[in-house]
PDB file of N, CA and C in Angstrom:
ATOM      1  N   MET A   1      84.806  29.149 -17.186  1.00  0.00           N
ATOM      2  CA  MET A   1      84.132  30.222 -16.977  1.00  0.00           C
ATOM      3  C   MET A   1      84.742  31.384 -16.676  1.00  0.00           C
ATOM      4  N   LYS A   2      84.511  32.851 -17.336  1.00  0.00           N
ATOM      5  CA  LYS A   2      85.072  33.760 -16.742  1.00  0.00           C
ATOM      6  C   LYS A   2      84.654  34.406 -15.904  1.00  0.00           C
ATOM      7  N   THR A   3      85.238  34.948 -14.842  1.00  0.00           N
ATOM      8  CA  THR A   3      84.815  35.651 -13.723  1.00  0.00           C
ATOM      9  C   THR A   3      85.480  36.945 -13.795  1.00  0.00           C
ATOM     10  N   GLN A   4      84.381  38.229 -13.262  1.00  0.00           N
ATOM     11  CA  GLN A   4      84.836  39.286 -13.200  1.00  0.00           C
ATOM     12  C   GLN A   4      84.460  39.757 -11.677  1.00  0.00           C
ATOM     13  N   PHE A   5      85.529  40.103 -11.154  1.00  0.00           N
ATOM     14  CA  PHE A   5      85.034  40.746  -9.605  1.00  0.00           C
ATOM     15  C   PHE A   5      85.403  42.050  -9.395  1.00  0.00           C
ATOM     16  N   ARG A   6      84.144  42.833  -8.924  1.00  0.00           N
ATOM     17  CA  ARG A   6      84.284  44.124  -8.211  1.00  0.00           C
ATOM     18  C   ARG A   6      84.513  44.154  -6.667  1.00  0.00           C
ATOM     19  N   ILE A   7      85.163  44.300  -6.002  1.00  0.00           N
ATOM     20  CA  ILE A   7      85.179  44.281  -4.664  1.00  0.00           C
ATOM     21  C   ILE A   7      85.412  45.836  -3.891  1.00  0.00           C
ATOM     22  N   ARG A   8      84.366  46.343  -3.248  1.00  0.00           N
ATOM     23  CA  ARG A   8      84.750  47.704  -2.861  1.00  0.00           C
ATOM     24  C   ARG A   8      84.429  47.758  -1.369  1.00  0.00           C
ATOM     25  N   GLY A   9      85.297  48.571  -0.563  1.00  0.00           N
ATOM     26  CA  GLY A   9      85.394  48.545   0.573  1.00  0.00           C
ATOM     27  C   GLY A   9      86.145  47.872   1.738  1.00  0.00           C
ATOM     28  N   LEU A  10      86.576  46.670   1.209  1.00  0.00           N
ATOM     29  CA  LEU A  10      87.368  45.520   1.564  1.00  0.00           C
ATOM     30  C   LEU A  10      88.877  44.936   0.953  1.00  0.00           C
ATOM     31  N   ASN A  11      89.229  44.285   1.536  1.00  0.00           N
ATOM     32  CA  ASN A  11      90.764  44.245   1.471  1.00  0.00           C
ATOM     33  C   ASN A  11      90.742  42.687   0.573  1.00  0.00           C
ATOM     34  N   ALA A  12      90.885  43.208  -0.554  1.00  0.00           N
ATOM     35  CA  ALA A  12      90.278  41.681  -1.369  1.00  0.00           C
ATOM     36  C   ALA A  12      91.577  41.358  -1.621  1.00  0.00           C
ATOM     37  N   ASN A  13      92.268  40.495  -0.830  1.00  0.00           N
ATOM     38  CA  ASN A  13      93.331  39.554  -0.850  1.00  0.00           C
ATOM     39  C   ASN A  13      93.236  38.258  -1.754  1.00  0.00           C
ATOM     40  N   ALA A  14      94.245  37.526  -2.163  1.00  0.00           N
ATOM     41  CA  ALA A  14      93.966  36.377  -3.087  1.00  0.00           C
ATOM     42  C   ALA A  14      93.629  35.426  -2.200  1.00  0.00           C
ATOM     43  N   SER A  15      93.095  35.092  -1.027  1.00  0.00           N
ATOM     44  CA  SER A  15      92.566  33.987  -0.451  1.00  0.00           C
ATOM     45  C   SER A  15      90.984  34.517  -0.325  1.00  0.00           C
ATOM     46  N   LEU A  16      90.676  35.449  -0.312  1.00  0.00           N
ATOM     47  CA  LEU A  16      89.522  35.670  -0.446  1.00  0.00           C
ATOM     48  C   LEU A  16      88.588  35.379  -1.836  1.00  0.00           C
ATOM     49  N   ARG A  17      89.434  35.873  -2.657  1.00  0.00           N
ATOM     50  CA  ARG A  17      89.235  35.490  -4.227  1.00  0.00           C
ATOM     51  C   ARG A  17      89.036  34.262  -4.774  1.00  0.00           C
ATOM     52  N   LEU A  18      89.951  33.619  -4.113  1.00  0.00           N
ATOM     53  CA  LEU A  18      89.944  31.841  -4.086  1.00  0.00           C
ATOM     54  C   LEU A  18      88.745  31.361  -3.766  1.00  0.00           C
ATOM     55  N   TRP A  19      88.394  32.001  -2.246  1.00  0.00           N
ATOM     56  CA  TRP A  19      87.106  31.382  -1.684  1.00  0.00           C
ATOM     57  C   TRP A  19      85.929  31.665  -2.457  1.00  0.00           C
ATOM     58  N   LEU A  20      85.978  32.949  -3.115  1.00  0.00           N
ATOM     59  CA  LEU A  20      84.411  33.365  -3.778  1.00  0.00           C
ATOM     60  C   LEU A  20      84.758  32.434  -5.317  1.00  0.00           C
ATOM     61  N   GLU A  21      85.789  32.261  -5.780  1.00  0.00           N
ATOM     62  CA  GLU A  21      86.027  31.594  -6.910  1.00  0.00           C
ATOM     63  C   GLU A  21      85.461  30.004  -6.706  1.00  0.00           C
ATOM     64  N   GLN A  22      86.084  29.577  -5.408  1.00  0.00           N
ATOM     65  CA  GLN A  22      85.459  28.042  -5.430  1.00  0.00           C
ATOM     66  C   GLN A  22      84.190  27.863  -5.533  1.00  0.00           C
ATOM     67  N   GLN A  23      83.541  28.934  -4.611  1.00  0.00           N
ATOM     68  CA  GLN A  23      81.857  28.387  -4.723  1.00  0.00           C
ATOM     69  C   GLN A  23      81.476  28.649  -5.875  1.00  0.00           C
ATOM     70  N   LEU A  24      81.915  29.511  -6.685  1.00  0.00           N
ATOM     71  CA  LEU A  24      81.001  29.793  -8.290  1.00  0.00           C
ATOM     72  C   LEU A  24      81.540  28.674  -8.959  1.00  0.00           C
ATOM     73  N   GLN A  25      82.749  27.732  -8.718  1.00  0.00           N
ATOM     74  CA  GLN A  25      82.878  26.679  -9.465  1.00  0.00           C
ATOM     75  C   GLN A  25      81.994  25.324  -9.063  1.00  0.00           C
ATOM     76  N   ARG A  26      81.332  25.770  -7.758  1.00  0.00           N
ATOM     77  CA  ARG A  26      80.652  24.727  -7.809  1.00  0.00           C
ATOM     78  C   ARG A  26      79.476  24.896  -8.413  1.00  0.00           C
ATOM     79  N   LEU A  27      78.869  25.698  -8.388  1.00  0.00           N
ATOM     80  CA  LEU A  27      77.584  26.235  -9.476  1.00  0.00           C
ATOM     81  C   LEU A  27      78.054  26.120 -10.688  1.00  0.00           C
ATOM     82  N   HIS A  28      78.978  25.867 -11.245  1.00  0.00           N
ATOM     83  CA  HIS A  28      79.204  25.828 -12.371  1.00  0.00           C
ATOM     84  C   HIS A  28      79.131  24.320 -12.900  1.00  0.00           C
ATOM     85  N   SER A  29      79.793  23.317 -11.775  1.00  0.00           N
ATOM     86  CA  SER A  29      79.348  22.078 -11.855  1.00  0.00           C
ATOM     87  C   SER A  29      78.046  21.463 -11.879  1.00  0.00           C
ATOM     88  N   LEU A  30      77.206  22.644 -11.797  1.00  0.00           N
ATOM     89  CA  LEU A  30      75.508  22.505 -11.875  1.00  0.00           C
ATOM     90  C   LEU A  30      74.941  22.714 -13.265  1.00  0.00           C
ATOM     91  N   ILE A  31      75.435  23.816 -13.948  1.00  0.00           N
ATOM     92  CA  ILE A  31      75.121  24.442 -14.895  1.00  0.00           C
ATOM     93  C   ILE A  31      76.392  25.212 -15.606  1.00  0.00           C
ATOM     94  N   PRO A  32      76.337  24.822 -16.874  1.00  0.00           N
ATOM     95  CA  PRO A  32      77.867  25.785 -17.737  1.00  0.00           C
ATOM     96  C   PRO A  32      77.403  27.026 -17.555  1.00  0.00           C
ATOM     97  N   ILE A  33      78.507  27.892 -17.227  1.00  0.00           N
ATOM     98  CA  ILE A  33      78.236  29.223 -17.042  1.00  0.00           C
ATOM     99  C   ILE A  33      79.608  29.691 -17.739  1.00  0.00           C
ATOM    100  N   SER A  34      79.041  30.594 -18.611  1.00  0.00           N
ATOM    101  CA  SER A  34      80.079  31.331 -19.533  1.00  0.00           C
ATOM    102  C   SER A  34      80.894  32.797 -18.966  1.00  0.00           C
ATOM    103  N   VAL A  35      79.877  33.409 -17.944  1.00  0.00           N
ATOM    104  CA  VAL A  35      80.237  34.743 -17.358  1.00  0.00           C
ATOM    105  C   VAL A  35      80.191  35.109 -16.107  1.00  0.00           C
ATOM    106  N   ALA A  36      80.695  35.232 -15.294  1.00  0.00           N
ATOM    107  CA  ALA A  36      80.359  35.422 -13.594  1.00  0.00           C
ATOM    108  C   ALA A  36      80.783  36.565 -13.345  1.00  0.00           C
ATOM    109  N   GLU A  37      79.893  37.515 -13.034  1.00  0.00           N
ATOM    110  CA  GLU A  37      80.327  39.080 -12.831  1.00  0.00           C
ATOM    111  C   GLU A  37      79.518  38.900 -11.304  1.00  0.00           C
ATOM    112  N   VAL A  38      80.617  39.667 -10.300  1.00  0.00           N
ATOM    113  CA  VAL A  38      80.552  39.585  -8.840  1.00  0.00           C
ATOM    114  C   VAL A  38      80.655  41.049  -8.430  1.00  0.00           C
ATOM    115  N   LEU A  39      79.813  41.401  -7.913  1.00  0.00           N
ATOM    116  CA  LEU A  39      79.850  42.802  -6.745  1.00  0.00           C
ATOM    117  C   LEU A  39      80.044  42.569  -5.516  1.00  0.00           C
ATOM    118  N   LEU A  40      81.022  42.698  -4.684  1.00  0.00           N
ATOM    119  CA  LEU A  40      80.896  42.645  -3.323  1.00  0.00           C
ATOM    120  C   LEU A  40      81.603  43.671  -2.688  1.00  0.00           C
ATOM    121  N   GLU A  41      80.977  44.543  -1.805  1.00  0.00           N
ATOM    122  CA  GLU A  41      80.979  45.561  -1.175  1.00  0.00           C
ATOM    123  C   GLU A  41      80.576  45.796   0.341  1.00  0.00           C
ATOM    124  N   ARG A  42      81.275  46.623   1.150  1.00  0.00           N
ATOM    125  CA  ARG A  42      81.073  47.174   2.072  1.00  0.00           C
ATOM    126  C   ARG A  42      80.741  48.427   2.316  1.00  0.00           C
ATOM    127  N   GLN A  43      79.249  48.836   3.157  1.00  0.00           N
ATOM    128  CA  GLN A  43      79.010  50.272   3.043  1.00  0.00           C
ATOM    129  C   GLN A  43      79.004  50.274   4.662  1.00  0.00           C
ATOM    130  N   PRO A  44      79.954  50.916   5.200  1.00  0.00           N
ATOM    131  CA  PRO A  44      80.113  51.377   6.408  1.00  0.00           C
ATOM    132  C   PRO A  44      78.764  51.895   7.469  1.00  0.00           C
ATOM    133  N   GLY A  45      77.964  52.710   6.312  1.00  0.00           N
ATOM    134  CA  GLY A  45      76.963  53.948   6.933  1.00  0.00           C
ATOM    135  C   GLY A  45      75.872  53.086   7.271  1.00  0.00           C
ATOM    136  N   SER A  46      75.626  51.810   6.396  1.00  0.00           N
ATOM    137  CA  SER A  46      74.391  50.893   6.572  1.00  0.00           C
ATOM    138  C   SER A  46      74.635  49.632   7.295  1.00  0.00           C
ATOM    139  N   ALA A  47      73.406  49.321   7.736  1.00  0.00           N
ATOM    140  CA  ALA A  47      73.378  48.300   8.393  1.00  0.00           C
ATOM    141  C   ALA A  47      72.214  47.139   7.484  1.00  0.00           C
ATOM    142  N   PRO A  48      72.690  45.657   7.019  1.00  0.00           N
ATOM    143  CA  PRO A  48      73.598  45.502   7.265  1.00  0.00           C
ATOM    144  C   PRO A  48      75.053  46.089   6.333  1.00  0.00           C
ATOM    145  N   ALA A  49      76.228  45.820   6.452  1.00  0.00           N
ATOM    146  CA  ALA A  49      77.107  46.437   5.978  1.00  0.00           C
ATOM    147  C   ALA A  49      77.436  45.818   4.956  1.00  0.00           C
ATOM    148  N   PHE A  50      77.540  44.430   4.459  1.00  0.00           N
ATOM    149  CA  PHE A  50      78.024  43.915   3.415  1.00  0.00           C
ATOM    150  C   PHE A  50      77.066  43.259   2.368  1.00  0.00           C
ATOM    151  N   HIS A  51      77.254  43.797   0.914  1.00  0.00           N
ATOM    152  CA  HIS A  51      76.090  43.695  -0.165  1.00  0.00           C
ATOM    153  C   HIS A  51      76.927  42.740  -1.106  1.00  0.00           C
ATOM    154  N   ALA A  52      76.134  41.848  -1.935  1.00  0.00           N
ATOM    155  CA  ALA A  52      76.630  40.853  -2.803  1.00  0.00           C
ATOM    156  C   ALA A  52      75.732  41.064  -3.765  1.00  0.00           C
ATOM    157  N   GLN A  53      76.375  41.203  -5.203  1.00  0.00           N
ATOM    158  CA  GLN A  53      75.183  41.094  -6.502  1.00  0.00           C
ATOM    159  C   GLN A  53      76.086  40.093  -7.327  1.00  0.00           C
ATOM    160  N   VAL A  54      75.442  38.901  -7.470  1.00  0.00           N
ATOM    161  CA  VAL A  54      76.136  38.063  -8.945  1.00  0.00           C
ATOM    162  C   VAL A  54      75.122  38.053 -10.099  1.00  0.00           C
ATOM    163  N   HIS A  55      75.797  38.172 -11.085  1.00  0.00           N
ATOM    164  CA  HIS A  55      74.954  37.844 -12.320  1.00  0.00           C
ATOM    165  C   HIS A  55      75.721  36.688 -12.899  1.00  0.00           C
ATOM    166  N   LEU A  56      74.940  35.441 -13.712  1.00  0.00           N
ATOM    167  CA  LEU A  56      75.996  34.455 -14.019  1.00  0.00           C
ATOM    168  C   LEU A  56      75.321  34.671 -15.710  1.00  0.00           C
ATOM    169  N   ALA A  57      75.876  34.385 -16.655  1.00  0.00           N
ATOM    170  CA  ALA A  57      75.469  34.014 -18.032  1.00  0.00           C
ATOM    171  C   ALA A  57      75.607  32.856 -18.436  1.00  0.00           C
ATOM    172  N   VAL A  58      74.468  32.173 -18.420  1.00  0.00           N
ATOM    173  CA  VAL A  58      73.903  30.974 -18.813  1.00  0.00           C
ATOM    174  C   VAL A  58      73.303  30.448 -20.070  1.00  0.00           C
ATOM    175  N   PRO A  59      73.054  29.250 -20.574  1.00  0.00           N
ATOM    176  CA  PRO A  59      72.320  28.935 -21.439  1.00  0.00           C
ATOM    177  C   PRO A  59      70.700  29.340 -21.078  1.00  0.00           C
ATOM    178  N   GLY A  60      69.982  30.245 -21.773  1.00  0.00           N
ATOM    179  CA  GLY A  60      68.583  30.524 -21.504  1.00  0.00           C
ATOM    180  C   GLY A  60      68.788  31.828 -20.570  1.00  0.00           C
ATOM    181  N   PRO A  61      67.919  31.940 -20.101  1.00  0.00           N
ATOM    182  CA  PRO A  61      67.913  33.376 -19.280  1.00  0.00           C
ATOM    183  C   PRO A  61      68.883  33.421 -18.350  1.00  0.00           C
ATOM    184  N   ASP A  62      69.630  34.630 -18.091  1.00  0.00           N
ATOM    185  CA  ASP A  62      70.517  34.506 -17.406  1.00  0.00           C
ATOM    186  C   ASP A  62      69.974  34.676 -15.987  1.00  0.00           C
ATOM    187  N   ILE A  63      71.041  34.195 -14.587  1.00  0.00           N
ATOM    188  CA  ILE A  63      70.525  34.044 -13.401  1.00  0.00           C
ATOM    189  C   ILE A  63      71.490  34.929 -12.831  1.00  0.00           C
ATOM    190  N   HIS A  64      70.449  35.699 -11.487  1.00  0.00           N
ATOM    191  CA  HIS A  64      71.303  36.922 -10.767  1.00  0.00           C
ATOM    192  C   HIS A  64      70.575  36.492  -9.413  1.00  0.00           C
ATOM    193  N   ALA A  65      71.310  37.267  -8.521  1.00  0.00           N
ATOM    194  CA  ALA A  65      70.915  37.032  -7.062  1.00  0.00           C
ATOM    195  C   ALA A  65      71.500  38.400  -6.455  1.00  0.00           C
ATOM    196  N   THR A  66      70.906  38.798  -5.419  1.00  0.00           N
ATOM    197  CA  THR A  66      71.641  39.724  -4.513  1.00  0.00           C
ATOM    198  C   THR A  66      71.233  39.777  -2.916  1.00  0.00           C
ATOM    199  N   SER A  67      72.253  40.126  -2.109  1.00  0.00           N
ATOM    200  CA  SER A  67      71.856  39.963  -0.822  1.00  0.00           C
ATOM    201  C   SER A  67      72.835  40.865   0.116  1.00  0.00           C
ATOM    202  N   CYS A  68      72.039  41.034   1.379  1.00  0.00           N
ATOM    203  CA  CYS A  68      72.666  41.715   2.332  1.00  0.00           C
ATOM    204  C   CYS A  68      73.106  40.994   3.446  1.00  0.00           C
ATOM    205  N   ASP A  69      74.222  41.210   4.146  1.00  0.00           N
ATOM    206  CA  ASP A  69      74.421  40.456   5.792  1.00  0.00           C
ATOM    207  C   ASP A  69      75.513  41.446   6.669  1.00  0.00           C
ATOM    208  N   HIS A  70      75.846  40.831   7.921  1.00  0.00           N
ATOM    209  CA  HIS A  70      76.552  41.452   8.264  1.00  0.00           C
ATOM    210  C   HIS A  70      78.042  41.173   8.417  1.00  0.00           C
ATOM    211  N   THR A  71      78.758  39.782   7.539  1.00  0.00           N
ATOM    212  CA  THR A  71      79.628  39.467   7.540  1.00  0.00           C
ATOM    213  C   THR A  71      79.793  39.220   5.834  1.00  0.00           C
ATOM    214  N   VAL A  72      80.786  39.275   5.577  1.00  0.00           N
ATOM    215  CA  VAL A  72      81.585  38.377   4.097  1.00  0.00           C
ATOM    216  C   VAL A  72      80.743  37.282   3.867  1.00  0.00           C
ATOM    217  N   GLU A  73      81.312  36.343   5.233  1.00  0.00           N
ATOM    218  CA  GLU A  73      80.796  34.853   4.542  1.00  0.00           C
ATOM    219  C   GLU A  73      79.417  34.868   4.526  1.00  0.00           C
ATOM    220  N   ALA A  74      78.640  35.350   5.420  1.00  0.00           N
ATOM    221  CA  ALA A  74      77.089  35.135   5.327  1.00  0.00           C
ATOM    222  C   ALA A  74      76.787  35.721   4.184  1.00  0.00           C
ATOM    223  N   VAL A  75      76.918  37.068   3.772  1.00  0.00           N
ATOM    224  CA  VAL A  75      76.312  37.450   2.427  1.00  0.00           C
ATOM    225  C   VAL A  75      76.408  36.645   1.278  1.00  0.00           C
ATOM    226  N   TRP A  76      78.084  36.039   1.470  1.00  0.00           N
ATOM    227  CA  TRP A  76      78.419  34.828   0.153  1.00  0.00           C
ATOM    228  C   TRP A  76      77.569  33.573   0.030  1.00  0.00           C
ATOM    229  N   LEU A  77      77.235  33.330   1.396  1.00  0.00           N
ATOM    230  CA  LEU A  77      76.381  32.031   1.626  1.00  0.00           C
ATOM    231  C   LEU A  77      75.143  32.448   1.074  1.00  0.00           C
ATOM    232  N   LYS A  78      74.539  33.493   1.376  1.00  0.00           N
ATOM    233  CA  LYS A  78      73.147  33.631   0.961  1.00  0.00           C
ATOM    234  C   LYS A  78      73.027  33.764  -0.520  1.00  0.00           C
ATOM    235  N   VAL A  79      73.817  34.509  -1.279  1.00  0.00           N
ATOM    236  CA  VAL A  79      73.712  34.604  -2.706  1.00  0.00           C
ATOM    237  C   VAL A  79      74.162  33.404  -3.247  1.00  0.00           C
ATOM    238  N   THR A  80      74.677  32.803  -2.941  1.00  0.00           N
ATOM    239  CA  THR A  80      75.260  31.402  -3.671  1.00  0.00           C
ATOM    240  C   THR A  80      74.167  30.202  -3.580  1.00  0.00           C
ATOM    241  N   LYS A  81      73.381  30.591  -2.196  1.00  0.00           N
ATOM    242  CA  LYS A  81      72.227  29.637  -2.025  1.00  0.00           C
ATOM    243  C   LYS A  81      71.094  30.221  -2.776  1.00  0.00           C
ATOM    244  N   ASN A  82      70.831  31.118  -3.020  1.00  0.00           N
ATOM    245  CA  ASN A  82      69.871  31.794  -4.067  1.00  0.00           C
ATOM    246  C   ASN A  82      70.163  31.379  -5.555  1.00  0.00           C
ATOM    247  N   LEU A  83      71.285  31.490  -5.677  1.00  0.00           N
ATOM    248  CA  LEU A  83      71.809  31.300  -7.176  1.00  0.00           C
ATOM    249  C   LEU A  83      71.515  29.645  -7.167  1.00  0.00           C
ATOM    250  N   ARG A  84      71.820  28.733  -6.532  1.00  0.00           N
ATOM    251  CA  ARG A  84      71.862  27.524  -6.505  1.00  0.00           C
ATOM    252  C   ARG A  84      70.417  26.849  -6.415  1.00  0.00           C
ATOM    253  N   GLN A  85      69.185  27.560  -5.754  1.00  0.00           N
ATOM    254  CA  GLN A  85      68.064  27.146  -5.661  1.00  0.00           C
ATOM    255  C   GLN A  85      67.148  27.405  -7.272  1.00  0.00           C
ATOM    256  N   GLN A  86      67.870  28.590  -7.739  1.00  0.00           N
ATOM    257  CA  GLN A  86      67.236  29.119  -9.011  1.00  0.00           C
ATOM    258  C   GLN A  86      67.705  27.891 -10.212  1.00  0.00           C
ATOM    259  N   ILE A  87      68.755  27.654 -10.036  1.00  0.00           N
ATOM    260  CA  ILE A  87      69.443  26.299 -10.797  1.00  0.00           C
ATOM    261  C   ILE A  87      68.738  25.488 -10.731  1.00  0.00           C
ATOM    262  N   GLU A  88      68.466  24.729  -9.420  1.00  0.00           N
ATOM    263  CA  GLU A  88      67.941  23.678  -9.261  1.00  0.00           C
ATOM    264  C   GLU A  88      66.513  23.817  -9.719  1.00  0.00           C
ATOM    265  N   ARG A  89      65.652  24.687  -9.628  1.00  0.00           N
ATOM    266  CA  ARG A  89      64.512  25.179  -9.985  1.00  0.00           C
ATOM    267  C   ARG A  89      64.238  24.898 -11.534  1.00  0.00           C
ATOM    268  N   ARG A  90      65.400  25.567 -12.320  1.00  0.00           N
ATOM    269  CA  ARG A  90      65.348  25.514 -13.416  1.00  0.00           C
ATOM    270  C   ARG A  90      65.959  24.066 -13.979  1.00  0.00           C
ATOM    271  N   LYS A  91      66.871  23.460 -13.488  1.00  0.00           N
ATOM    272  CA  LYS A  91      66.462  21.838 -13.770  1.00  0.00           C
ATOM    273  C   LYS A  91      65.436  21.390 -13.616  1.00  0.00           C
ATOM    274  N   GLY A  92      64.987  21.380 -12.613  1.00  0.00           N
ATOM    275  CA  GLY A  92      63.477  20.588 -12.043  1.00  0.00           C
ATOM    276  C   GLY A  92      62.236  20.855 -13.310  1.00  0.00           C
ATOM    277  N   ARG A  93      62.035  22.035 -13.714  1.00  0.00           N
ATOM    278  CA  ARG A  93      61.464  22.595 -14.818  1.00  0.00           C
ATOM    279  C   ARG A  93      61.888  21.822 -16.114  1.00  0.00           C
ATOM    280  N   GLN A  94      62.923  21.786 -16.401  1.00  0.00           N
ATOM    281  CA  GLN A  94      63.383  21.110 -17.618  1.00  0.00           C
ATOM    282  C   GLN A  94      63.089  19.622 -17.443  1.00  0.00           C
ATOM    283  N   GLN A  95      63.151  19.130 -16.605  1.00  0.00           N
ATOM    284  CA  GLN A  95      63.167  17.638 -16.210  1.00  0.00           C
ATOM    285  C   GLN A  95      61.550  17.162 -16.432  1.00  0.00           C
ATOM    286  N   SER A  96      60.884  17.708 -15.715  1.00  0.00           N
ATOM    287  CA  SER A  96      59.274  17.780 -15.546  1.00  0.00           C
ATOM    288  C   SER A  96      58.732  18.166 -17.321  1.00  0.00           C
ATOM    289  N   LYS A  97      59.434  18.810 -18.252  1.00  0.00           N
ATOM    290  CA  LYS A  97      58.702  19.115 -19.392  1.00  0.00           C
ATOM    291  C   LYS A  97      59.355  17.752 -20.081  1.00  0.00           C
ATOM    292  N   LEU A  98      60.533  17.375 -19.721  1.00  0.00           N
ATOM    293  CA  LEU A  98      60.445  16.311 -20.505  1.00  0.00           C
ATOM    294  C   LEU A  98      59.942  15.058 -20.250  1.00  0.00           C
ATOM    295  N   LYS A  99      59.292  14.862 -19.142  1.00  0.00           N
ATOM    296  CA  LYS A  99      58.986  13.854 -18.481  1.00  0.00           C
ATOM    297  C   LYS A  99      57.301  13.865 -19.041  1.00  0.00           C
ATOM    298  N   SER A 100      56.780  14.899 -19.247  1.00  0.00           N
ATOM    299  CA  SER A 100      55.349  14.900 -19.842  1.00  0.00           C
ATOM    300  C   SER A 100      55.381  14.890 -21.244  1.00  0.00           C
ATOM    301  N   ASN A 101      56.407  15.313 -22.052  1.00  0.00           N
ATOM    302  CA  ASN A 101      56.682  14.870 -23.430  1.00  0.00           C
ATOM    303  C   ASN A 101      56.567  13.623 -23.506  1.00  0.00           C
ATOM    304  N   ARG A 102      57.293  12.741 -22.836  1.00  0.00           N
ATOM    305  CA  ARG A 102      57.530  11.478 -23.110  1.00  0.00           C
ATOM    306  C   ARG A 102      56.170  10.656 -22.786  1.00  0.00           C
ATOM    307  N   GLN A 103      55.442  11.321 -21.888  1.00  0.00           N
ATOM    308  CA  GLN A 103      54.242  10.473 -21.220  1.00  0.00           C
ATOM    309  C   GLN A 103      53.200  10.775 -22.537  1.00  0.00           C
ATOM    310  N   HIS A 104      53.141  12.053 -22.847  1.00  0.00           N
ATOM    311  CA  HIS A 104      52.100  12.182 -23.843  1.00  0.00           C
ATOM    312  C   HIS A 104      52.761  12.453 -25.349  1.00  0.00           C
ATOM    313  N   PRO A 105      53.119  11.292 -26.128  1.00  0.00           N
ATOM    314  CA  PRO A 105      53.976  11.514 -27.413  1.00  0.00           C
ATOM    315  C   PRO A 105      53.381  12.020 -28.425  1.00  0.00           C
ATOM    316  N   LEU A 106      53.641  12.846 -29.360  1.00  0.00           N
ATOM    317  CA  LEU A 106      52.698  13.546 -30.626  1.00  0.00           C
ATOM    318  C   LEU A 106      52.019  12.282 -31.143  1.00  0.00           C
ATOM    319  N   THR A 107      50.754  12.539 -31.352  1.00  0.00           N
ATOM    320  CA  THR A 107      50.346  11.394 -32.240  1.00  0.00           C
ATOM    321  C   THR A 107      50.011  11.828 -33.665  1.00  0.00           C
ATOM    322  N   PRO A 108      50.078  11.187 -34.613  1.00  0.00           N
ATOM    323  CA  PRO A 108      50.059  11.788 -35.948  1.00  0.00           C
ATOM    324  C   PRO A 108      48.702  11.844 -36.220  1.00  0.00           C
ATOM    325  N   SER A 109      48.677  13.123 -36.858  1.00  0.00           N
ATOM    326  CA  SER A 109      47.021  13.683 -37.184  1.00  0.00           C
ATOM    327  C   SER A 109      46.548  12.588 -37.982  1.00  0.00           C
ATOM    328  N   ARG A 110      44.751  12.682 -37.999  1.00  0.00           N
ATOM    329  CA  ARG A 110      44.043  11.695 -38.351  1.00  0.00           C
ATOM    330  C   ARG A 110      44.041  12.160 -40.117  1.00  0.00           C
ATOM    331  N   GLY A 111      44.179  11.023 -40.844  1.00  0.00           N
ATOM    332  CA  GLY A 111      44.228  10.998 -42.392  1.00  0.00           C
ATOM    333  C   GLY A 111      45.591  11.286 -42.746  1.00  0.00           C
ATOM    334  N   ALA A 112      46.597  11.287 -41.919  1.00  0.00           N
ATOM    335  CA  ALA A 112      47.919  11.749 -42.333  1.00  0.00           C
ATOM    336  C   ALA A 112      48.494  10.700 -43.566  1.00  0.00           C
ATOM    337  N   GLY A 113      48.874  11.135 -44.358  1.00  0.00           N
ATOM    338  CA  GLY A 113      49.197  10.238 -45.603  1.00  0.00           C
ATOM    339  C   GLY A 113      48.068   9.974 -46.432  1.00  0.00           C
ATOM    340  N   ALA A 114      46.767   9.800 -45.930  1.00  0.00           N
ATOM    341  CA  ALA A 114      45.841   9.634 -46.916  1.00  0.00           C
ATOM    342  C   ALA A 114      45.347  10.527 -47.959  1.00  0.00           C
ATOM    343  N   GLY A 115      45.895  11.923 -47.823  1.00  0.00           N
ATOM    344  CA  GLY A 115      45.487  13.082 -48.607  1.00  0.00           C
ATOM    345  C   GLY A 115      46.693  12.604 -49.668  1.00  0.00           C
ATOM    346  N   VAL A 116      47.767  12.533 -49.404  1.00  0.00           N
ATOM    347  CA  VAL A 116      48.836  12.040 -50.745  1.00  0.00           C
ATOM    348  C   VAL A 116      48.324  11.065 -51.692  1.00  0.00           C
ATOM    349  N   ALA A 117      47.650   9.819 -50.743  1.00  0.00           N
ATOM    350  CA  ALA A 117      47.406   8.634 -51.852  1.00  0.00           C
ATOM    351  C   ALA A 117      46.259   9.335 -52.560  1.00  0.00           C
ATOM    352  N   ALA A 118      45.280  10.073 -51.848  1.00  0.00           N
ATOM    353  CA  ALA A 118      44.050  10.352 -52.507  1.00  0.00           C
ATOM    354  C   ALA A 118      44.265  11.158 -53.841  1.00  0.00           C
ATOM    355  N   ARG A 119      45.262  12.117 -53.911  1.00  0.00           N
ATOM    356  CA  ARG A 119      45.612  12.982 -54.961  1.00  0.00           C
ATOM    357  C   ARG A 119      46.254  12.152 -56.029  1.00  0.00           C
ATOM    358  N   ILE A 120      46.747  11.265 -56.030  1.00  0.00           N
ATOM    359  CA  ILE A 120      47.699  10.516 -56.970  1.00  0.00           C
ATOM    360  C   ILE A 120      46.781   9.830 -57.739  1.00  0.00           C
TER     361      ILE A 120
END
């Protein structure tokens, strides 16, 4: 997974980036993520001051989430929870489609094969 961080208005030390990366790796264990784009910013003039946006490039439609809160930890936990819920919903829909296809297998059409024999 390739990760791009854009951190604005914060002291982006190595431990912060490592913590953010570890949380993304947990999501990567649920679904293959090719690219993760993260925007984390502090806007001192607004309340709540911390904003996070994450865009995940995954098989199928991409997944993205946005959140705001009063601390970096809270905003990041909110945004990763939202992403996890989206991933789990997608997996649930895929599994229900598989189950419904197994319960209702495709039946051969009426007269399949009879047309070939009739023409010969």
